[in-house]
All heavy atoms as atom14 arrays in JSON, in Angstrom:
{
  "sequence": "VWHYGEVPDLASSLLLLVPEKKLALIVLADTDGLSAPFDDALS",
  "atom14_mask": [
    [1, 1, 1, 1, 1, 1, 1, 0, 0, 0, 0, 0, 0, 0],
    [1, 1, 1, 1, 1, 1, 1, 1, 1, 1, 1, 1, 1, 1],
    [1, 1, 1, 1, 1, 1, 1, 1, 1, 1, 0, 0, 0, 0],
    [1, 1, 1, 1, 1, 1, 1, 1, 1, 1, 1, 1, 0, 0],
    [1, 1, 1, 1, 0, 0, 0, 0, 0, 0, 0, 0, 0, 0],
    [1, 1, 1, 1, 1, 1, 1, 1, 1, 0, 0, 0, 0, 0],
    [1, 1, 1, 1, 1, 1, 1, 0, 0, 0, 0, 0, 0, 0],
    [1, 1, 1, 1, 1, 1, 1, 0, 0, 0, 0, 0, 0, 0],
    [1, 1, 1, 1, 1, 1, 1, 1, 0, 0, 0, 0, 0, 0],
    [1, 1, 1, 1, 1, 1, 1, 1, 0, 0, 0, 0, 0, 0],
    [1, 1, 1, 1, 1, 0, 0, 0, 0, 0, 0, 0, 0, 0],
    [1, 1, 1, 1, 1, 1, 0, 0, 0, 0, 0, 0, 0, 0],
    [1, 1, 1, 1, 1, 1, 0, 0, 0, 0, 0, 0, 0, 0],
    [1, 1, 1, 1, 1, 1, 1, 1, 0, 0, 0, 0, 0, 0],
    [1, 1, 1, 1, 1, 1, 1, 1, 0, 0, 0, 0, 0, 0],
    [1, 1, 1, 1, 1, 1, 1, 1, 0, 0, 0, 0, 0, 0],
    [1, 1, 1, 1, 1, 1, 1, 1, 0, 0, 0, 0, 0, 0],
    [1, 1, 1, 1, 1, 1, 1, 0, 0, 0, 0, 0, 0, 0],
    [1, 1, 1, 1, 1, 1, 1, 0, 0, 0, 0, 0, 0, 0],
    [1, 1, 1, 1, 1, 1, 1, 1, 1, 0, 0, 0, 0, 0],
    [1, 1, 1, 1, 1, 1, 1, 1, 1, 0, 0, 0, 0, 0],
    [1, 1, 1, 1, 1, 1, 1, 1, 1, 0, 0, 0, 0, 0],
    [1, 1, 1, 1, 1, 1, 1, 1, 0, 0, 0, 0, 0, 0],
    [1, 1, 1, 1, 1, 0, 0, 0, 0, 0, 0, 0, 0, 0],
    [1, 1, 1, 1, 1, 1, 1, 1, 0, 0, 0, 0, 0, 0],
    [1, 1, 1, 1, 1, 1, 1, 1, 0, 0, 0, 0, 0, 0],
    [1, 1, 1, 1, 1, 1, 1, 0, 0, 0, 0, 0, 0, 0],
    [1, 1, 1, 1, 1, 1, 1, 1, 0, 0, 0, 0, 0, 0],
    [1, 1, 1, 1, 1, 0, 0, 0, 0, 0, 0, 0, 0, 0],
    [1, 1, 1, 1, 1, 1, 1, 1, 0, 0, 0, 0, 0, 0],
    [1, 1, 1, 1, 1, 1, 1, 0, 0, 0, 0, 0, 0, 0],
    [1, 1, 1, 1, 1, 1, 1, 1, 0, 0, 0, 0, 0, 0],
    [1, 1, 1, 1, 0, 0, 0, 0, 0, 0, 0, 0, 0, 0],
    [1, 1, 1, 1, 1, 1, 1, 1, 0, 0, 0, 0, 0, 0],
    [1, 1, 1, 1, 1, 1, 0, 0, 0, 0, 0, 0, 0, 0],
    [1, 1, 1, 1, 1, 0, 0, 0, 0, 0, 0, 0, 0, 0],
    [1, 1, 1, 1, 1, 1, 1, 0, 0, 0, 0, 0, 0, 0],
    [1, 1, 1, 1, 1, 1, 1, 1, 1, 1, 1, 0, 0, 0],
    [1, 1, 1, 1, 1, 1, 1, 1, 0, 0, 0, 0, 0, 0],
    [1, 1, 1, 1, 1, 1, 1, 1, 0, 0, 0, 0, 0, 0],
    [1, 1, 1, 1, 1, 0, 0, 0, 0, 0, 0, 0, 0, 0],
    [1, 1, 1, 1, 1, 1, 1, 1, 0, 0, 0, 0, 0, 0],
    [1, 1, 1, 1, 1, 1, 0, 0, 0, 0, 0, 0, 0, 0]
  ],
  "atom14_positions": [
    [[0.86, -1.17, 0.0], [-0.01, 0.0, 0.03], [0.82, 1.2, 0.09], [1.98, 1.3, 0.65], [-1.01, 0.02, 1.17], [-1.91, -1.16, 1.13], [-0.26, -0.06, 2.51], [0.0, 0.0, 0.0], [0.0, 0.0, 0.0], [0.0, 0.0, 0.0], [0.0, 0.0, 0.0], [0.0, 0.0, 0.0], [0.0, 0.0, 0.0], [0.0, 0.0, 0.0]],
    [[0.55, 2.22, -0.79], [1.44, 3.37, -0.97], [0.74, 4.57, -1.53], [-0.44, 4.56, -1.86], [2.57, 2.86, -2.0], [1.98, 2.4, -3.33], [1.49, 1.15, -3.63], [1.82, 3.24, -4.52], [0.99, 1.13, -4.94], [1.22, 2.27, -5.43], [2.21, 4.51, -4.79], [0.95, 2.78, -6.8], [1.91, 4.97, -6.17], [1.36, 4.03, -7.11]],
    [[1.49, 5.63, -1.47], [0.97, 6.87, -2.13], [2.19, 7.7, -2.45], [3.22, 7.58, -1.82], [0.17, 7.63, -1.18], [-1.04, 8.38, -1.9], [-0.83, 9.3, -2.82], [-2.35, 8.2, -1.96], [-1.96, 9.64, -3.4], [-2.97, 9.03, -2.79], [0.0, 0.0, 0.0], [0.0, 0.0, 0.0], [0.0, 0.0, 0.0], [0.0, 0.0, 0.0]],
    [[2.03, 8.33, -3.63], [3.17, 9.3, -4.02], [2.62, 10.72, -4.04], [1.37, 10.89, -4.06], [3.72, 8.82, -5.42], [2.89, 9.2, -6.62], [3.22, 10.28, -7.47], [1.7, 8.51, -6.96], [2.41, 10.61, -8.57], [0.9, 8.83, -7.92], [1.27, 9.83, -8.81], [0.48, 10.19, -9.86], [0.0, 0.0, 0.0], [0.0, 0.0, 0.0]],
    [[3.53, 11.59, -4.08], [3.23, 12.96, -4.19], [4.08, 13.76, -5.12], [5.11, 13.34, -5.37], [0.0, 0.0, 0.0], [0.0, 0.0, 0.0], [0.0, 0.0, 0.0], [0.0, 0.0, 0.0], [0.0, 0.0, 0.0], [0.0, 0.0, 0.0], [0.0, 0.0, 0.0], [0.0, 0.0, 0.0], [0.0, 0.0, 0.0], [0.0, 0.0, 0.0]],
    [[3.46, 14.84, -5.72], [4.21, 15.59, -6.66], [3.7, 17.05, -6.81], [2.51, 17.3, -7.01], [4.16, 14.89, -8.08], [4.87, 15.73, -9.11], [4.61, 15.09, -10.63], [4.15, 13.96, -10.61], [4.96, 15.83, -11.56], [0.0, 0.0, 0.0], [0.0, 0.0, 0.0], [0.0, 0.0, 0.0], [0.0, 0.0, 0.0], [0.0, 0.0, 0.0]],
    [[4.59, 17.96, -6.51], [4.25, 19.33, -6.77], [5.15, 19.72, -7.96], [6.36, 19.84, -7.79], [4.59, 20.3, -5.58], [4.14, 21.75, -5.85], [3.82, 19.75, -4.32], [0.0, 0.0, 0.0], [0.0, 0.0, 0.0], [0.0, 0.0, 0.0], [0.0, 0.0, 0.0], [0.0, 0.0, 0.0], [0.0, 0.0, 0.0], [0.0, 0.0, 0.0]],
    [[4.62, 19.86, -9.17], [5.4, 20.08, -10.32], [6.51, 21.16, -10.19], [6.18, 22.31, -9.63], [4.48, 20.49, -11.41], [3.19, 19.8, -11.03], [3.13, 19.87, -9.58], [0.0, 0.0, 0.0], [0.0, 0.0, 0.0], [0.0, 0.0, 0.0], [0.0, 0.0, 0.0], [0.0, 0.0, 0.0], [0.0, 0.0, 0.0], [0.0, 0.0, 0.0]],
    [[7.71, 20.84, -10.43], [8.91, 21.74, -10.37], [9.36, 22.13, -9.01], [10.16, 22.94, -8.7], [8.61, 23.04, -11.06], [8.52, 22.88, -12.71], [9.15, 21.78, -13.08], [7.74, 23.59, -13.31], [0.0, 0.0, 0.0], [0.0, 0.0, 0.0], [0.0, 0.0, 0.0], [0.0, 0.0, 0.0], [0.0, 0.0, 0.0], [0.0, 0.0, 0.0]],
    [[8.71, 21.46, -7.96], [8.99, 21.92, -6.6], [9.38, 20.75, -5.58], [10.29, 20.89, -4.82], [7.74, 22.6, -6.01], [7.41, 23.96, -6.57], [6.04, 24.41, -5.98], [8.41, 24.93, -6.42], [0.0, 0.0, 0.0], [0.0, 0.0, 0.0], [0.0, 0.0, 0.0], [0.0, 0.0, 0.0], [0.0, 0.0, 0.0], [0.0, 0.0, 0.0]],
    [[8.61, 19.55, -5.68], [8.92, 18.59, -4.6], [8.24, 17.3, -4.99], [7.34, 17.34, -5.93], [8.36, 19.01, -3.27], [0.0, 0.0, 0.0], [0.0, 0.0, 0.0], [0.0, 0.0, 0.0], [0.0, 0.0, 0.0], [0.0, 0.0, 0.0], [0.0, 0.0, 0.0], [0.0, 0.0, 0.0], [0.0, 0.0, 0.0], [0.0, 0.0, 0.0]],
    [[8.62, 16.15, -4.39], [8.01, 14.89, -4.62], [8.19, 14.01, -3.45], [9.15, 14.18, -2.67], [8.41, 14.24, -5.92], [9.88, 14.2, -5.97], [0.0, 0.0, 0.0], [0.0, 0.0, 0.0], [0.0, 0.0, 0.0], [0.0, 0.0, 0.0], [0.0, 0.0, 0.0], [0.0, 0.0, 0.0], [0.0, 0.0, 0.0], [0.0, 0.0, 0.0]],
    [[7.4, 12.93, -3.34], [7.55, 12.1, -2.21], [6.87, 10.76, -2.55], [6.14, 10.54, -3.39], [6.69, 12.7, -1.0], [5.25, 12.94, -1.47], [0.0, 0.0, 0.0], [0.0, 0.0, 0.0], [0.0, 0.0, 0.0], [0.0, 0.0, 0.0], [0.0, 0.0, 0.0], [0.0, 0.0, 0.0], [0.0, 0.0, 0.0], [0.0, 0.0, 0.0]],
    [[7.33, 9.76, -1.59], [6.9, 8.33, -1.9], [6.81, 7.69, -0.38], [7.81, 7.71, 0.31], [7.71, 7.48, -2.67], [7.25, 6.1, -2.84], [5.97, 5.88, -3.59], [8.49, 5.33, -3.55], [0.0, 0.0, 0.0], [0.0, 0.0, 0.0], [0.0, 0.0, 0.0], [0.0, 0.0, 0.0], [0.0, 0.0, 0.0], [0.0, 0.0, 0.0]],
    [[5.65, 7.19, -0.05], [5.44, 6.49, 1.17], [4.97, 5.05, 0.78], [3.74, 5.02, 0.17], [4.45, 7.2, 2.11], [4.06, 6.47, 3.44], [5.31, 6.09, 4.27], [3.04, 7.24, 4.22], [0.0, 0.0, 0.0], [0.0, 0.0, 0.0], [0.0, 0.0, 0.0], [0.0, 0.0, 0.0], [0.0, 0.0, 0.0], [0.0, 0.0, 0.0]],
    [[5.57, 4.09, 1.1], [5.14, 2.69, 0.66], [5.29, 1.74, 1.99], [6.3, 1.71, 2.62], [6.15, 2.16, -0.39], [5.93, 0.89, -1.12], [6.49, 0.91, -2.48], [6.34, -0.33, -0.34], [0.0, 0.0, 0.0], [0.0, 0.0, 0.0], [0.0, 0.0, 0.0], [0.0, 0.0, 0.0], [0.0, 0.0, 0.0], [0.0, 0.0, 0.0]],
    [[4.17, 1.02, 2.19], [4.12, 0.11, 3.25], [3.95, -1.41, 2.71], [3.26, -1.51, 1.76], [2.85, 0.38, 4.17], [2.68, 1.82, 4.66], [1.5, 1.91, 5.54], [3.91, 2.39, 5.33], [0.0, 0.0, 0.0], [0.0, 0.0, 0.0], [0.0, 0.0, 0.0], [0.0, 0.0, 0.0], [0.0, 0.0, 0.0], [0.0, 0.0, 0.0]],
    [[4.51, -2.27, 3.39], [4.34, -3.77, 3.13], [3.78, -4.24, 4.46], [4.63, -4.77, 5.36], [5.63, -4.46, 2.72], [5.27, -5.85, 2.23], [6.27, -3.65, 1.57], [0.0, 0.0, 0.0], [0.0, 0.0, 0.0], [0.0, 0.0, 0.0], [0.0, 0.0, 0.0], [0.0, 0.0, 0.0], [0.0, 0.0, 0.0], [0.0, 0.0, 0.0]],
    [[2.49, -4.18, 4.77], [2.01, -4.44, 6.08], [2.35, -5.91, 6.61], [2.67, -6.06, 7.81], [0.4, -4.28, 5.94], [0.35, -3.36, 4.77], [1.43, -3.71, 3.81], [0.0, 0.0, 0.0], [0.0, 0.0, 0.0], [0.0, 0.0, 0.0], [0.0, 0.0, 0.0], [0.0, 0.0, 0.0], [0.0, 0.0, 0.0], [0.0, 0.0, 0.0]],
    [[2.22, -6.9, 5.8], [2.48, -8.2, 6.31], [3.96, -8.51, 6.6], [4.29, -9.37, 7.45], [1.96, -9.34, 5.27], [2.85, -9.4, 4.01], [2.22, -10.4, 2.99], [1.17, -10.14, 2.4], [2.83, -11.56, 2.88], [0.0, 0.0, 0.0], [0.0, 0.0, 0.0], [0.0, 0.0, 0.0], [0.0, 0.0, 0.0], [0.0, 0.0, 0.0]],
    [[4.84, -7.68, 6.11], [6.25, -7.78, 6.44], [6.71, -6.71, 7.44], [7.83, -6.69, 7.84], [7.13, -7.61, 5.18], [6.8, -8.57, 4.04], [7.14, -10.0, 4.45], [6.92, -10.9, 3.13], [7.17, -12.35, 3.48], [0.0, 0.0, 0.0], [0.0, 0.0, 0.0], [0.0, 0.0, 0.0], [0.0, 0.0, 0.0], [0.0, 0.0, 0.0]],
    [[5.8, -5.85, 7.81], [6.06, -4.75, 8.81], [7.11, -3.94, 8.35], [8.14, -3.57, 9.14], [6.35, -5.38, 10.25], [5.15, -6.16, 10.76], [5.52, -6.7, 12.21], [4.36, -7.46, 12.87], [4.79, -8.05, 14.16], [0.0, 0.0, 0.0], [0.0, 0.0, 0.0], [0.0, 0.0, 0.0], [0.0, 0.0, 0.0], [0.0, 0.0, 0.0]],
    [[7.09, -3.53, 7.03], [8.16, -2.71, 6.45], [7.57, -1.45, 5.84], [6.35, -1.47, 5.43], [8.7, -3.56, 5.27], [9.77, -4.62, 5.49], [9.93, -5.58, 4.32], [11.05, -4.04, 6.03], [0.0, 0.0, 0.0], [0.0, 0.0, 0.0], [0.0, 0.0, 0.0], [0.0, 0.0, 0.0], [0.0, 0.0, 0.0], [0.0, 0.0, 0.0]],
    [[8.28, -0.45, 5.76], [7.89, 0.79, 5.12], [9.08, 1.5, 4.52], [10.23, 1.42, 5.03], [7.24, 1.73, 6.13], [0.0, 0.0, 0.0], [0.0, 0.0, 0.0], [0.0, 0.0, 0.0], [0.0, 0.0, 0.0], [0.0, 0.0, 0.0], [0.0, 0.0, 0.0], [0.0, 0.0, 0.0], [0.0, 0.0, 0.0], [0.0, 0.0, 0.0]],
    [[8.84, 2.12, 3.43], [9.88, 2.97, 2.73], [9.38, 4.42, 2.72], [8.23, 4.69, 2.37], [10.11, 2.48, 1.37], [10.88, 3.36, 0.38], [12.4, 3.4, 0.83], [10.89, 2.96, -1.07], [0.0, 0.0, 0.0], [0.0, 0.0, 0.0], [0.0, 0.0, 0.0], [0.0, 0.0, 0.0], [0.0, 0.0, 0.0], [0.0, 0.0, 0.0]],
    [[10.3, 5.37, 2.94], [9.91, 6.79, 2.82], [11.02, 7.51, 2.0], [12.2, 7.24, 2.25], [9.89, 7.42, 4.19], [8.83, 6.8, 5.16], [9.54, 8.88, 4.07], [9.36, 6.75, 6.55], [0.0, 0.0, 0.0], [0.0, 0.0, 0.0], [0.0, 0.0, 0.0], [0.0, 0.0, 0.0], [0.0, 0.0, 0.0], [0.0, 0.0, 0.0]],
    [[10.71, 8.17, 0.98], [11.68, 8.89, 0.21], [11.0, 10.35, -0.1], [9.84, 10.39, -0.56], [12.0, 8.21, -1.25], [13.21, 8.91, -1.79], [12.19, 6.71, -1.03], [0.0, 0.0, 0.0], [0.0, 0.0, 0.0], [0.0, 0.0, 0.0], [0.0, 0.0, 0.0], [0.0, 0.0, 0.0], [0.0, 0.0, 0.0], [0.0, 0.0, 0.0]],
    [[11.8, 11.28, 0.09], [11.39, 12.73, -0.09], [12.41, 13.44, -0.92], [13.66, 13.17, -0.85], [11.18, 13.4, 1.25], [10.33, 12.77, 2.29], [10.36, 13.45, 3.62], [8.92, 12.57, 1.81], [0.0, 0.0, 0.0], [0.0, 0.0, 0.0], [0.0, 0.0, 0.0], [0.0, 0.0, 0.0], [0.0, 0.0, 0.0], [0.0, 0.0, 0.0]],
    [[11.98, 14.4, -1.71], [12.87, 15.12, -2.57], [12.48, 16.6, -2.72], [11.3, 16.98, -2.63], [13.01, 14.54, -3.97], [0.0, 0.0, 0.0], [0.0, 0.0, 0.0], [0.0, 0.0, 0.0], [0.0, 0.0, 0.0], [0.0, 0.0, 0.0], [0.0, 0.0, 0.0], [0.0, 0.0, 0.0], [0.0, 0.0, 0.0], [0.0, 0.0, 0.0]],
    [[13.43, 17.51, -3.1], [13.12, 18.82, -3.23], [12.92, 19.27, -4.67], [12.89, 20.5, -5.1], [14.18, 19.78, -2.68], [15.59, 19.62, -3.39], [15.65, 18.61, -4.19], [16.5, 20.3, -3.08], [0.0, 0.0, 0.0], [0.0, 0.0, 0.0], [0.0, 0.0, 0.0], [0.0, 0.0, 0.0], [0.0, 0.0, 0.0], [0.0, 0.0, 0.0]],
    [[12.72, 18.27, -5.68], [12.33, 18.47, -6.99], [11.13, 17.46, -7.18], [10.76, 16.73, -6.38], [13.44, 18.22, -8.0], [13.64, 16.74, -8.04], [14.68, 18.89, -7.68], [0.0, 0.0, 0.0], [0.0, 0.0, 0.0], [0.0, 0.0, 0.0], [0.0, 0.0, 0.0], [0.0, 0.0, 0.0], [0.0, 0.0, 0.0], [0.0, 0.0, 0.0]],
    [[10.6, 17.53, -8.45], [9.58, 16.58, -8.71], [10.09, 15.27, -9.27], [9.36, 14.4, -9.77], [8.51, 17.06, -9.69], [9.14, 17.56, -11.02], [10.26, 17.2, -11.34], [8.44, 18.23, -11.82], [0.0, 0.0, 0.0], [0.0, 0.0, 0.0], [0.0, 0.0, 0.0], [0.0, 0.0, 0.0], [0.0, 0.0, 0.0], [0.0, 0.0, 0.0]],
    [[11.44, 15.04, -9.16], [12.06, 13.86, -9.76], [11.7, 12.54, -9.2], [11.96, 11.47, -9.82], [0.0, 0.0, 0.0], [0.0, 0.0, 0.0], [0.0, 0.0, 0.0], [0.0, 0.0, 0.0], [0.0, 0.0, 0.0], [0.0, 0.0, 0.0], [0.0, 0.0, 0.0], [0.0, 0.0, 0.0], [0.0, 0.0, 0.0], [0.0, 0.0, 0.0]],
    [[11.26, 12.4, -7.99], [10.79, 11.12, -7.49], [9.55, 10.67, -8.19], [9.3, 9.41, -8.29], [10.41, 11.27, -6.0], [11.4, 11.27, -4.92], [10.85, 11.4, -3.62], [12.27, 10.03, -4.96], [0.0, 0.0, 0.0], [0.0, 0.0, 0.0], [0.0, 0.0, 0.0], [0.0, 0.0, 0.0], [0.0, 0.0, 0.0], [0.0, 0.0, 0.0]],
    [[8.75, 11.57, -8.73], [7.44, 11.26, -9.29], [7.33, 11.45, -10.81], [6.88, 10.53, -11.57], [6.38, 11.97, -8.59], [6.4, 11.64, -7.17], [0.0, 0.0, 0.0], [0.0, 0.0, 0.0], [0.0, 0.0, 0.0], [0.0, 0.0, 0.0], [0.0, 0.0, 0.0], [0.0, 0.0, 0.0], [0.0, 0.0, 0.0], [0.0, 0.0, 0.0]],
    [[7.65, 12.65, -11.31], [7.39, 13.08, -12.69], [8.05, 12.07, -13.7], [7.26, 11.76, -14.65], [7.94, 14.45, -12.86], [0.0, 0.0, 0.0], [0.0, 0.0, 0.0], [0.0, 0.0, 0.0], [0.0, 0.0, 0.0], [0.0, 0.0, 0.0], [0.0, 0.0, 0.0], [0.0, 0.0, 0.0], [0.0, 0.0, 0.0], [0.0, 0.0, 0.0]],
    [[9.2, 11.68, -13.57], [9.68, 10.65, -14.64], [8.86, 9.36, -14.7], [8.92, 8.73, -15.67], [11.14, 10.46, -14.24], [11.48, 11.59, -13.35], [10.26, 11.88, -12.59], [0.0, 0.0, 0.0], [0.0, 0.0, 0.0], [0.0, 0.0, 0.0], [0.0, 0.0, 0.0], [0.0, 0.0, 0.0], [0.0, 0.0, 0.0], [0.0, 0.0, 0.0]],
    [[8.22, 8.96, -13.56], [7.6, 7.66, -13.51], [6.06, 7.85, -13.42], [5.38, 6.93, -12.93], [8.19, 6.97, -12.27], [9.68, 7.08, -12.19], [10.17, 7.9, -11.15], [10.55, 6.58, -13.05], [11.59, 8.17, -11.09], [11.93, 6.79, -13.0], [12.46, 7.6, -12.0], [0.0, 0.0, 0.0], [0.0, 0.0, 0.0], [0.0, 0.0, 0.0]],
    [[5.58, 9.0, -13.77], [4.15, 9.31, -13.46], [3.18, 8.42, -14.34], [2.12, 8.11, -13.83], [3.89, 10.76, -13.79], [2.49, 11.17, -13.33], [2.25, 11.15, -12.13], [1.63, 11.5, -14.17], [0.0, 0.0, 0.0], [0.0, 0.0, 0.0], [0.0, 0.0, 0.0], [0.0, 0.0, 0.0], [0.0, 0.0, 0.0], [0.0, 0.0, 0.0]],
    [[3.56, 7.89, -15.47], [2.67, 7.07, -16.2], [2.29, 5.81, -15.37], [1.17, 5.34, -15.33], [3.29, 6.66, -17.57], [3.27, 7.76, -18.51], [2.58, 8.79, -18.27], [3.97, 7.64, -19.59], [0.0, 0.0, 0.0], [0.0, 0.0, 0.0], [0.0, 0.0, 0.0], [0.0, 0.0, 0.0], [0.0, 0.0, 0.0], [0.0, 0.0, 0.0]],
    [[3.28, 5.18, -14.75], [3.08, 3.98, -13.94], [2.43, 4.4, -12.72], [1.43, 3.74, -12.21], [4.38, 3.23, -13.7], [0.0, 0.0, 0.0], [0.0, 0.0, 0.0], [0.0, 0.0, 0.0], [0.0, 0.0, 0.0], [0.0, 0.0, 0.0], [0.0, 0.0, 0.0], [0.0, 0.0, 0.0], [0.0, 0.0, 0.0], [0.0, 0.0, 0.0]],
    [[2.93, 5.33, -11.91], [2.42, 5.74, -10.65], [0.93, 6.18, -10.67], [0.06, 5.74, -9.93], [3.25, 6.84, -10.02], [4.7, 6.41, -9.63], [5.41, 7.7, -9.24], [4.76, 5.31, -8.43], [0.0, 0.0, 0.0], [0.0, 0.0, 0.0], [0.0, 0.0, 0.0], [0.0, 0.0, 0.0], [0.0, 0.0, 0.0], [0.0, 0.0, 0.0]],
    [[0.59, 7.01, -11.57], [-0.76, 7.46, -11.63], [-1.76, 6.48, -12.03], [-3.03, 6.53, -11.67], [-0.81, 8.71, -12.79], [-0.59, 8.16, -14.02], [0.0, 0.0, 0.0], [0.0, 0.0, 0.0], [0.0, 0.0, 0.0], [0.0, 0.0, 0.0], [0.0, 0.0, 0.0], [0.0, 0.0, 0.0], [0.0, 0.0, 0.0], [0.0, 0.0, 0.0]]
  ]
}
């Protein structure tokens, strides 16, 4: 389960959980690079 965020030209984020494994990933950036290049898949 996850969500991504994108403010064009400003910031991006990713929060990803794997509940059954008790795992989570957090990635934050000061550009839209976490999301914009991969938006076709993420959206």
